């Protein structure tokens, strides 16, 4: 059997749970495998480390602490923003919005709370501070294509960001990315 190595493209099937609550937060079981280039930083550090050396066909159960997943929860990632910046959006506590960061990248935020004049938004990744339990099946490993080597990864990625620094917020509609909709379980933050 082949073992997974750095600079190889790996395909996995996964289910991710919050270790404490056992709630499933993401899964691709029964759908397209997640492919990524080992060593390119396309997935969280703990997932990448756990897969290196694994055998194709092997099932793994991996517990990943916040420091090697989506980071510790940071209260300095909370920001109070004037409610007028959310004009036309029916705000709900806990809803996910997308905005634009200083560097022009899309950032995902959660509405923590709001009143008549301000909105408290949270730039922490929704899985920040959580220990994650991954159940993974390593499906395949292959050499990267020339394009994957040039671009430094497989596919376009989901565009998730960890919320570093100050951010401008322009309300975009709800949507999912890491842990819930488009980019896969382990996209890096």
C-alpha atoms as a PDB file:
ATOM      1  CA  UNK A   1       0.000   0.000   0.000  1.00  0.00           C
ATOM      2  CA  UNK A   2       1.099   3.562  -0.716  1.00  0.00           C
ATOM      3  CA  UNK A   3       1.622   5.976   2.120  1.00  0.00           C
ATOM      4  CA  UNK A   4       0.562   9.618   1.808  1.00  0.00           C
ATOM      5  CA  UNK A   5       3.490  11.996   1.317  1.00  0.00           C
ATOM      6  CA  UNK A   6       4.056  15.755   1.166  1.00  0.00           C
ATOM      7  CA  UNK A   7       3.583  17.293  -2.302  1.00  0.00           C
ATOM      8  CA  UNK A   8       1.032  14.638  -3.333  1.00  0.00           C
ATOM      9  CA  UNK A   9      -2.643  15.255  -4.017  1.00  0.00           C
ATOM     10  CA  UNK A  10      -4.779  13.248  -1.611  1.00  0.00           C
ATOM     11  CA  UNK A  11      -8.510  12.497  -1.841  1.00  0.00           C
ATOM     12  CA  UNK A  12     -10.471  11.846   1.348  1.00  0.00           C
ATOM     13  CA  UNK A  13     -13.977  11.136   2.499  1.00  0.00           C
ATOM     14  CA  UNK A  14     -14.680  12.715   5.882  1.00  0.00           C
ATOM     15  CA  UNK A  15     -17.129  13.471   8.642  1.00  0.00           C
ATOM     16  CA  UNK A  16     -16.266  16.153  11.193  1.00  0.00           C
ATOM     17  CA  UNK A  17     -17.852  16.421  14.639  1.00  0.00           C
ATOM     18  CA  UNK A  18     -17.572  18.887  17.481  1.00  0.00           C
ATOM     19  CA  UNK A  19     -15.641  16.703  19.943  1.00  0.00           C
ATOM     20  CA  UNK A  20     -17.618  17.952  22.966  1.00  0.00           C
ATOM     21  CA  UNK A  21     -21.185  17.868  21.595  1.00  0.00           C
ATOM     22  CA  UNK A  22     -20.680  15.087  18.983  1.00  0.00           C
ATOM     23  CA  UNK A  23     -22.659  17.275  16.553  1.00  0.00           C
ATOM     24  CA  UNK A  24     -21.696  16.656  12.910  1.00  0.00           C
ATOM     25  CA  UNK A  25     -20.463  20.004  11.542  1.00  0.00           C
ATOM     26  CA  UNK A  26     -19.441  18.887   8.050  1.00  0.00           C
ATOM     27  CA  UNK A  27     -19.321  15.782   5.891  1.00  0.00           C
ATOM     28  CA  UNK A  28     -18.743  14.777   2.294  1.00  0.00           C
ATOM     29  CA  UNK A  29     -19.856  11.160   2.743  1.00  0.00           C
ATOM     30  CA  UNK A  30     -21.851  10.142  -0.318  1.00  0.00           C
ATOM     31  CA  UNK A  31     -20.626  13.097  -2.370  1.00  0.00           C
ATOM     32  CA  UNK A  32     -17.449  14.209  -4.125  1.00  0.00           C
ATOM     33  CA  UNK A  33     -14.183  13.452  -2.266  1.00  0.00           C
ATOM     34  CA  UNK A  34     -12.175  16.372  -0.899  1.00  0.00           C
ATOM     35  CA  UNK A  35      -8.885  16.694  -2.804  1.00  0.00           C
ATOM     36  CA  UNK A  36      -5.976  18.812  -1.635  1.00  0.00           C
ATOM     37  CA  UNK A  37      -2.222  19.110  -2.065  1.00  0.00           C
ATOM     38  CA  UNK A  38      -0.323  17.973   1.033  1.00  0.00           C
ATOM     39  CA  UNK A  39       2.057  20.715   2.139  1.00  0.00           C
ATOM     40  CA  UNK A  40       0.225  23.570   0.383  1.00  0.00           C
ATOM     41  CA  UNK A  41      -1.728  24.758   3.435  1.00  0.00           C
ATOM     42  CA  UNK A  42      -5.093  24.060   1.799  1.00  0.00           C
ATOM     43  CA  UNK A  43      -6.472  22.370   4.909  1.00  0.00           C
ATOM     44  CA  UNK A  44      -6.064  22.865   8.634  1.00  0.00           C
ATOM     45  CA  UNK A  45      -2.668  21.909  10.046  1.00  0.00           C
ATOM     46  CA  UNK A  46      -3.891  19.074  12.264  1.00  0.00           C
ATOM     47  CA  UNK A  47      -5.655  17.334   9.393  1.00  0.00           C
ATOM     48  CA  UNK A  48      -2.647  17.580   7.111  1.00  0.00           C
ATOM     49  CA  UNK A  49      -0.273  16.275   9.810  1.00  0.00           C
ATOM     50  CA  UNK A  50      -2.548  13.328  10.591  1.00  0.00           C
ATOM     51  CA  UNK A  51      -2.819  12.244   6.952  1.00  0.00           C
ATOM     52  CA  UNK A  52       0.921  12.266   6.182  1.00  0.00           C
ATOM     53  CA  UNK A  53       2.100   8.674   6.364  1.00  0.00           C
ATOM     54  CA  UNK A  54      -1.420   7.185   6.264  1.00  0.00           C
ATOM     55  CA  UNK A  55      -2.162   4.344   3.858  1.00  0.00           C
ATOM     56  CA  UNK A  56      -4.642   4.572   0.989  1.00  0.00           C
ATOM     57  CA  UNK A  57      -7.841   2.812   2.009  1.00  0.00           C
ATOM     58  CA  UNK A  58      -7.138   3.412   5.691  1.00  0.00           C
ATOM     59  CA  UNK A  59      -9.848   4.781   7.976  1.00  0.00           C
ATOM     60  CA  UNK A  60      -8.633   7.285  10.569  1.00  0.00           C
ATOM     61  CA  UNK A  61     -10.242   8.832  13.638  1.00  0.00           C
ATOM     62  CA  UNK A  62      -8.412  12.047  14.443  1.00  0.00           C
ATOM     63  CA  UNK A  63      -8.933  14.456  17.330  1.00  0.00           C
ATOM     64  CA  UNK A  64      -7.660  17.951  16.477  1.00  0.00           C
ATOM     65  CA  UNK A  65      -7.255  20.669  19.113  1.00  0.00           C
ATOM     66  CA  UNK A  66      -8.256  24.281  18.248  1.00  0.00           C
ATOM     67  CA  UNK A  67      -4.619  25.374  17.883  1.00  0.00           C
ATOM     68  CA  UNK A  68      -4.226  23.047  14.879  1.00  0.00           C
ATOM     69  CA  UNK A  69      -7.771  23.546  13.588  1.00  0.00           C
ATOM     70  CA  UNK A  70      -9.478  26.952  13.394  1.00  0.00           C
ATOM     71  CA  UNK A  71      -7.632  28.603  16.275  1.00  0.00           C
ATOM     72  CA  UNK A  72      -8.624  29.577  19.767  1.00  0.00           C
ATOM     73  CA  UNK A  73     -11.674  31.793  20.221  1.00  0.00           C
ATOM     74  CA  UNK A  74     -10.530  35.416  20.393  1.00  0.00           C
ATOM     75  CA  UNK A  75     -12.715  38.053  22.017  1.00  0.00           C
ATOM     76  CA  UNK A  76     -10.730  40.755  20.171  1.00  0.00           C
ATOM     77  CA  UNK A  77     -12.342  39.424  16.963  1.00  0.00           C
ATOM     78  CA  UNK A  78     -15.673  40.910  18.106  1.00  0.00           C
ATOM     79  CA  UNK A  79     -16.502  44.302  16.617  1.00  0.00           C
ATOM     80  CA  UNK A  80     -19.379  46.718  17.086  1.00  0.00           C
ATOM     81  CA  UNK A  81     -20.543  48.176  13.770  1.00  0.00           C
ATOM     82  CA  UNK A  82     -23.224  50.821  13.058  1.00  0.00           C
ATOM     83  CA  UNK A  83     -26.491  49.098  12.110  1.00  0.00           C
ATOM     84  CA  UNK A  84     -26.874  51.375   9.058  1.00  0.00           C
ATOM     85  CA  UNK A  85     -24.105  49.358   7.340  1.00  0.00           C
ATOM     86  CA  UNK A  86     -26.561  46.431   7.218  1.00  0.00           C
ATOM     87  CA  UNK A  87     -29.367  48.306   5.477  1.00  0.00           C
ATOM     88  CA  UNK A  88     -31.667  45.963   3.570  1.00  0.00           C
ATOM     89  CA  UNK A  89     -30.588  42.872   5.533  1.00  0.00           C
ATOM     90  CA  UNK A  90     -33.068  41.219   7.890  1.00  0.00           C
ATOM     91  CA  UNK A  91     -30.650  40.646  10.766  1.00  0.00           C
ATOM     92  CA  UNK A  92     -30.938  37.556  12.927  1.00  0.00           C
ATOM     93  CA  UNK A  93     -28.778  36.584  15.870  1.00  0.00           C
ATOM     94  CA  UNK A  94     -26.382  33.816  14.792  1.00  0.00           C
ATOM     95  CA  UNK A  95     -26.705  34.436  11.036  1.00  0.00           C
ATOM     96  CA  UNK A  96     -23.633  34.282   8.829  1.00  0.00           C
ATOM     97  CA  UNK A  97     -22.722  37.209   6.588  1.00  0.00           C
ATOM     98  CA  UNK A  98     -19.887  37.817   4.200  1.00  0.00           C
ATOM     99  CA  UNK A  99     -17.930  41.055   4.004  1.00  0.00           C
ATOM    100  CA  UNK A 100     -14.729  42.398   2.576  1.00  0.00           C
ATOM    101  CA  UNK A 101     -11.481  42.601   4.535  1.00  0.00           C
ATOM    102  CA  UNK A 102      -8.751  45.213   4.218  1.00  0.00           C
ATOM    103  CA  UNK A 103      -6.896  43.040   1.716  1.00  0.00           C
ATOM    104  CA  UNK A 104      -9.983  42.659  -0.509  1.00  0.00           C
ATOM    105  CA  UNK A 105     -10.585  39.026   0.493  1.00  0.00           C
ATOM    106  CA  UNK A 106     -14.040  37.841   1.453  1.00  0.00           C
ATOM    107  CA  UNK A 107     -14.449  37.381   5.197  1.00  0.00           C
ATOM    108  CA  UNK A 108     -17.130  35.400   6.960  1.00  0.00           C
ATOM    109  CA  UNK A 109     -18.672  36.877  10.104  1.00  0.00           C
ATOM    110  CA  UNK A 110     -21.486  35.939  12.445  1.00  0.00           C
ATOM    111  CA  UNK A 111     -24.045  38.346  13.889  1.00  0.00           C
ATOM    112  CA  UNK A 112     -23.471  37.898  17.625  1.00  0.00           C
ATOM    113  CA  UNK A 113     -26.102  40.448  18.721  1.00  0.00           C
ATOM    114  CA  UNK A 114     -27.709  43.706  17.626  1.00  0.00           C
ATOM    115  CA  UNK A 115     -29.912  46.551  18.819  1.00  0.00           C
ATOM    116  CA  UNK A 116     -31.483  49.633  17.176  1.00  0.00           C
ATOM    117  CA  UNK A 117     -28.139  51.324  16.508  1.00  0.00           C
ATOM    118  CA  UNK A 118     -25.326  48.768  16.486  1.00  0.00           C
ATOM    119  CA  UNK A 119     -24.504  45.232  15.401  1.00  0.00           C
ATOM    120  CA  UNK A 120     -21.969  43.069  17.229  1.00  0.00           C
ATOM    121  CA  UNK A 121     -20.181  40.925  14.668  1.00  0.00           C
ATOM    122  CA  UNK A 122     -17.808  38.060  15.311  1.00  0.00           C
ATOM    123  CA  UNK A 123     -14.841  37.499  12.965  1.00  0.00           C
ATOM    124  CA  UNK A 124     -13.866  34.205  14.620  1.00  0.00           C
ATOM    125  CA  UNK A 125     -14.293  31.154  12.408  1.00  0.00           C
ATOM    126  CA  UNK A 126     -17.506  29.347  13.498  1.00  0.00           C
ATOM    127  CA  UNK A 127     -15.340  26.420  14.649  1.00  0.00           C
ATOM    128  CA  UNK A 128     -12.772  28.546  16.537  1.00  0.00           C
ATOM    129  CA  UNK A 129     -12.117  27.250  20.035  1.00  0.00           C
ATOM    130  CA  UNK A 130     -13.531  23.819  19.248  1.00  0.00           C
ATOM    131  CA  UNK A 131     -11.768  20.478  19.365  1.00  0.00           C
ATOM    132  CA  UNK A 132     -12.772  18.559  16.250  1.00  0.00           C
ATOM    133  CA  UNK A 133     -13.140  14.832  15.693  1.00  0.00           C
ATOM    134  CA  UNK A 134     -12.502  13.766  12.095  1.00  0.00           C
ATOM    135  CA  UNK A 135     -13.515  10.351  10.759  1.00  0.00           C
ATOM    136  CA  UNK A 136     -11.606  10.021   7.498  1.00  0.00           C
ATOM    137  CA  UNK A 137     -11.128   7.452   4.785  1.00  0.00           C
ATOM    138  CA  UNK A 138      -8.057   8.058   2.630  1.00  0.00           C
ATOM    139  CA  UNK A 139      -9.309   7.243  -0.877  1.00  0.00           C
ATOM    140  CA  UNK A 140      -6.432   8.054  -3.199  1.00  0.00           C
ATOM    141  CA  UNK A 141      -3.097   9.769  -3.662  1.00  0.00           C
ATOM    142  CA  UNK A 142      -1.535  10.994  -6.891  1.00  0.00           C
ATOM    143  CA  UNK A 143       1.119  13.260  -8.315  1.00  0.00           C
ATOM    144  CA  UNK A 144      -0.076  16.879  -8.724  1.00  0.00           C
ATOM    145  CA  UNK A 145      -0.623  18.252 -12.217  1.00  0.00           C
ATOM    146  CA  UNK A 146       1.632  21.006 -13.526  1.00  0.00           C
ATOM    147  CA  UNK A 147      -1.190  23.521 -12.956  1.00  0.00           C
ATOM    148  CA  UNK A 148      -1.645  22.358  -9.341  1.00  0.00           C
ATOM    149  CA  UNK A 149       2.091  22.796  -8.737  1.00  0.00           C
ATOM    150  CA  UNK A 150       2.032  26.307 -10.242  1.00  0.00           C
ATOM    151  CA  UNK A 151      -1.082  27.386  -8.320  1.00  0.00           C
ATOM    152  CA  UNK A 152       0.043  25.703  -5.103  1.00  0.00           C
ATOM    153  CA  UNK A 153      -3.061  23.620  -4.650  1.00  0.00           C
ATOM    154  CA  UNK A 154      -6.082  21.766  -5.979  1.00  0.00           C
ATOM    155  CA  UNK A 155      -9.093  23.785  -7.161  1.00  0.00           C
ATOM    156  CA  UNK A 156      -9.833  27.363  -6.261  1.00  0.00           C
ATOM    157  CA  UNK A 157     -10.314  26.947  -2.525  1.00  0.00           C
ATOM    158  CA  UNK A 158     -13.232  28.381  -0.658  1.00  0.00           C
ATOM    159  CA  UNK A 159     -11.826  31.763   0.269  1.00  0.00           C
ATOM    160  CA  UNK A 160     -12.242  31.402   4.016  1.00  0.00           C
ATOM    161  CA  UNK A 161     -10.267  33.755   6.156  1.00  0.00           C
ATOM    162  CA  UNK A 162      -9.422  33.694   9.824  1.00  0.00           C
ATOM    163  CA  UNK A 163     -10.384  37.294  10.459  1.00  0.00           C
ATOM    164  CA  UNK A 164      -7.025  38.914  11.080  1.00  0.00           C
ATOM    165  CA  UNK A 165      -7.018  42.666  11.574  1.00  0.00           C
ATOM    166  CA  UNK A 166      -9.761  45.222  11.085  1.00  0.00           C
ATOM    167  CA  UNK A 167     -12.437  44.585   8.503  1.00  0.00           C
ATOM    168  CA  UNK A 168     -14.919  46.642   6.618  1.00  0.00           C
ATOM    169  CA  UNK A 169     -18.271  44.957   6.532  1.00  0.00           C
ATOM    170  CA  UNK A 170     -20.670  45.051   3.624  1.00  0.00           C
ATOM    171  CA  UNK A 171     -23.567  42.695   4.233  1.00  0.00           C
ATOM    172  CA  UNK A 172     -23.763  39.850   1.781  1.00  0.00           C
ATOM    173  CA  UNK A 173     -26.426  37.187   2.115  1.00  0.00           C
ATOM    174  CA  UNK A 174     -26.003  34.073   4.181  1.00  0.00           C
ATOM    175  CA  UNK A 175     -23.988  31.240   2.795  1.00  0.00           C
ATOM    176  CA  UNK A 176     -21.716  28.446   3.763  1.00  0.00           C
ATOM    177  CA  UNK A 177     -18.086  27.708   3.354  1.00  0.00           C
ATOM    178  CA  UNK A 178     -15.894  25.708   5.626  1.00  0.00           C
ATOM    179  CA  UNK A 179     -17.989  23.522   7.838  1.00  0.00           C
ATOM    180  CA  UNK A 180     -21.174  24.035   5.967  1.00  0.00           C
ATOM    181  CA  UNK A 181     -21.522  24.526   2.334  1.00  0.00           C
ATOM    182  CA  UNK A 182     -18.930  24.884  -0.279  1.00  0.00           C
ATOM    183  CA  UNK A 183     -15.315  24.645   0.583  1.00  0.00           C
ATOM    184  CA  UNK A 184     -14.859  21.499   2.554  1.00  0.00           C
ATOM    185  CA  UNK A 185     -14.078  20.673   6.118  1.00  0.00           C
ATOM    186  CA  UNK A 186     -10.531  21.645   6.471  1.00  0.00           C
ATOM    187  CA  UNK A 187      -9.946  24.838   4.606  1.00  0.00           C
ATOM    188  CA  UNK A 188      -7.325  26.835   6.382  1.00  0.00           C
ATOM    189  CA  UNK A 189      -8.070  30.054   8.198  1.00  0.00           C
END
